[in-house]
Amino acid sequence: MNKAIIVLLMCMDFTLLSHAQAKLPFSPAASTTKDEQEILNLSTAKWKWMADKNVDSLNGLFAENCVFVHMGGSWGKIQELNTIKGGGIWYKKAEVYGASVNFFGNTAILLNDIDLLAVVGGNEVTHAFMVTEVYIKENGKWAMGSLTFSTLLRPVKMNNTTPQR
């Protein structure tokens, strides 16, 4: 009898823990909420603006104290916009393989599993990244507070022979 109760309690704990877990890019999801879709759409627009070097739209998205973490360093909004505008990094194409959004009050954390084709210092490179995007909602509008690139050890999936924008 005691063993049955212990097993039942363990099953209940496991069930509760499994529902409390964060959403990850490849976690099975029932459906996307309106709020999640809004963040996913913002992220998609951001990748396009970065590819198009549209610093005006990016300037409106990035919070004034936004931080960026790259493989080669970290910096703020002005340096990121200048890096994009000047071509120090050209985010030619981000191929997103999975994305998830988790909310904490007025903060949304989006994870993207991507391959990024970029031109860095005149050299075209492709890397597999998990990108963490942090968005903060203030006065009814989402602004990006942080963008971090973390290198993944998986092989690059993107086929670089496809035509780019």
Protein backbone atom coordinates (compact mmCIF):
# COMPACT_ATOMS: atom_id res chain seq x y z
CA MET A 1 0.00 0.00 0.00
CA ASN A 2 2.78 2.46 0.91
CA LYS A 3 4.59 1.71 -2.35
CA ALA A 4 1.41 2.41 -4.34
CA ILE A 5 0.97 5.77 -2.60
CA ILE A 6 4.61 6.70 -3.22
CA VAL A 7 4.33 5.75 -6.90
CA LEU A 8 1.08 7.74 -7.22
CA LEU A 9 2.67 10.80 -5.59
CA MET A 10 5.73 10.53 -7.84
CA CYS A 11 3.49 10.35 -10.92
CA MET A 12 1.60 13.43 -9.76
CA ASP A 13 4.87 15.31 -9.16
CA PHE A 14 6.15 14.35 -12.60
CA THR A 15 2.89 15.50 -14.21
CA LEU A 16 3.03 18.85 -12.41
CA LEU A 17 6.70 19.35 -13.30
CA SER A 18 6.14 18.49 -16.94
CA HIS A 19 3.50 21.24 -17.20
CA ALA A 20 5.75 23.79 -15.50
CA GLN A 21 8.60 23.40 -17.97
CA ALA A 22 9.65 26.20 -20.29
CA LYS A 23 8.70 26.03 -23.94
CA LEU A 24 11.69 25.21 -26.11
CA PRO A 25 12.02 25.56 -29.89
CA PHE A 26 11.21 21.91 -30.60
CA SER A 27 8.78 21.25 -27.74
CA PRO A 28 5.41 19.99 -28.91
CA ALA A 29 2.96 22.87 -28.56
CA ALA A 30 -0.81 22.66 -28.64
CA SER A 31 -1.27 26.00 -30.37
CA THR A 32 0.31 29.42 -30.55
CA THR A 33 -1.38 32.15 -28.55
CA LYS A 34 -2.03 35.62 -29.94
CA ASP A 35 0.72 37.08 -27.69
CA GLU A 36 3.22 34.40 -28.74
CA GLN A 37 2.42 35.02 -32.41
CA GLU A 38 2.96 38.75 -31.95
CA ILE A 39 6.49 38.10 -30.63
CA LEU A 40 7.21 35.52 -33.35
CA ASN A 41 6.09 38.06 -35.98
CA LEU A 42 8.33 40.75 -34.46
CA SER A 43 11.28 38.38 -34.58
CA THR A 44 10.59 37.48 -38.22
CA ALA A 45 10.39 41.18 -39.11
CA LYS A 46 13.63 41.83 -37.21
CA TRP A 47 15.52 39.17 -39.23
CA LYS A 48 14.22 40.75 -42.46
CA TRP A 49 15.17 44.27 -41.33
CA MET A 50 18.64 43.02 -40.39
CA ALA A 51 19.06 41.35 -43.80
CA ASP A 52 17.85 44.52 -45.54
CA LYS A 53 20.05 46.73 -43.29
CA ASN A 54 16.88 48.65 -42.36
CA VAL A 55 18.34 50.51 -39.39
CA ASP A 56 15.35 52.86 -39.15
CA SER A 57 12.95 50.00 -38.35
CA LEU A 58 15.52 48.34 -36.08
CA ASN A 59 16.05 51.63 -34.22
CA GLY A 60 12.32 51.65 -33.43
CA LEU A 61 12.43 48.04 -32.22
CA PHE A 62 15.58 48.17 -30.09
CA ALA A 63 15.16 49.67 -26.60
CA GLU A 64 17.61 52.48 -25.83
CA ASN A 65 19.51 50.28 -23.36
CA CYS A 66 19.32 47.14 -25.51
CA VAL A 67 22.34 44.82 -25.35
CA PHE A 68 23.77 42.54 -28.03
CA VAL A 69 26.01 39.53 -27.39
CA HIS A 70 27.92 38.16 -30.37
CA MET A 71 30.70 35.63 -30.81
CA GLY A 72 33.20 38.50 -30.94
CA GLY A 73 31.92 40.73 -28.15
CA SER A 74 29.00 42.60 -26.70
CA TRP A 75 27.74 46.14 -27.14
CA GLY A 76 24.73 48.45 -27.08
CA LYS A 77 22.11 49.74 -29.49
CA ILE A 78 24.13 52.49 -31.21
CA GLN A 79 27.09 50.21 -31.97
CA GLU A 80 24.76 47.45 -33.26
CA LEU A 81 22.97 49.88 -35.58
CA ASN A 82 26.29 51.32 -36.78
CA THR A 83 27.67 47.79 -37.32
CA ILE A 84 24.64 46.88 -39.45
CA LYS A 85 24.57 50.20 -41.35
CA GLY A 86 28.33 50.14 -42.00
CA GLY A 87 28.36 46.50 -43.09
CA GLY A 88 30.58 45.24 -40.25
CA ILE A 89 28.02 42.45 -39.97
CA TRP A 90 25.52 41.82 -42.74
CA TYR A 91 22.88 39.38 -41.58
CA LYS A 92 22.14 38.08 -45.08
CA LYS A 93 19.78 35.27 -44.13
CA ALA A 94 18.50 33.63 -40.96
CA GLU A 95 16.94 30.23 -41.52
CA VAL A 96 14.77 29.52 -38.46
CA TYR A 97 14.22 25.83 -37.67
CA GLY A 98 12.36 26.23 -34.41
CA ALA A 99 11.17 29.01 -32.12
CA SER A 100 9.47 29.30 -28.75
CA VAL A 101 8.22 32.12 -26.56
CA ASN A 102 7.98 32.22 -22.77
CA PHE A 103 6.36 35.11 -20.88
CA PHE A 104 7.27 36.52 -17.48
CA GLY A 105 4.92 39.42 -16.78
CA ASN A 106 5.70 42.14 -19.33
CA THR A 107 8.81 40.29 -20.56
CA ALA A 108 8.91 37.77 -23.41
CA ILE A 109 11.90 35.51 -24.05
CA LEU A 110 12.09 34.03 -27.51
CA LEU A 111 14.48 31.23 -28.47
CA ASN A 112 15.32 30.68 -32.13
CA ASP A 113 17.24 27.67 -33.45
CA ILE A 114 18.77 29.14 -36.61
CA ASP A 115 21.45 28.93 -39.21
CA LEU A 116 22.76 32.41 -39.94
CA LEU A 117 24.40 33.31 -43.22
CA ALA A 118 26.30 36.53 -42.62
CA VAL A 119 29.11 38.60 -44.01
CA VAL A 120 31.52 39.50 -41.22
CA GLY A 121 34.58 41.58 -42.02
CA GLY A 122 34.08 40.87 -45.73
CA ASN A 123 33.93 37.08 -45.27
CA GLU A 124 30.74 35.09 -45.81
CA VAL A 125 30.15 32.67 -42.92
CA THR A 126 27.35 30.36 -41.81
CA HIS A 127 26.86 29.31 -38.20
CA ALA A 128 24.30 27.34 -36.23
CA PHE A 129 23.00 29.44 -33.32
CA MET A 130 20.46 29.41 -30.55
CA VAL A 131 19.42 33.05 -30.47
CA THR A 132 17.85 34.46 -27.32
CA GLU A 133 15.69 37.54 -27.86
CA VAL A 134 14.28 39.39 -24.87
CA TYR A 135 11.33 41.72 -25.42
CA ILE A 136 9.81 44.10 -22.86
CA LYS A 137 6.30 45.54 -23.20
CA GLU A 138 6.07 49.16 -22.15
CA ASN A 139 3.13 51.45 -22.85
CA GLY A 140 1.49 48.72 -24.93
CA LYS A 141 4.49 48.30 -27.28
CA TRP A 142 7.14 45.57 -27.42
CA ALA A 143 10.80 46.63 -27.53
CA MET A 144 13.86 44.41 -27.76
CA GLY A 145 15.99 44.48 -24.62
CA SER A 146 18.60 41.89 -25.57
CA LEU A 147 19.79 39.73 -28.45
CA THR A 148 22.29 36.95 -27.73
CA PHE A 149 23.88 34.50 -30.16
CA SER A 150 24.98 31.17 -28.65
CA THR A 151 26.86 28.78 -30.93
CA LEU A 152 25.28 25.35 -31.36
CA LEU A 153 27.39 22.25 -31.83
CA ARG A 154 25.02 20.75 -34.40
CA PRO A 155 26.03 20.83 -38.07
CA VAL A 156 24.77 23.68 -40.23
CA LYS A 157 21.60 22.65 -42.06
CA MET A 158 21.33 25.61 -44.44
CA ASN A 159 22.18 25.10 -48.08
CA ASN A 160 24.27 28.16 -49.01
CA THR A 161 23.88 27.55 -52.72
CA THR A 162 20.28 28.85 -52.69
CA PRO A 163 19.85 32.39 -54.01
CA GLN A 164 19.96 35.07 -51.30
CA ARG A 165 17.99 38.30 -51.07
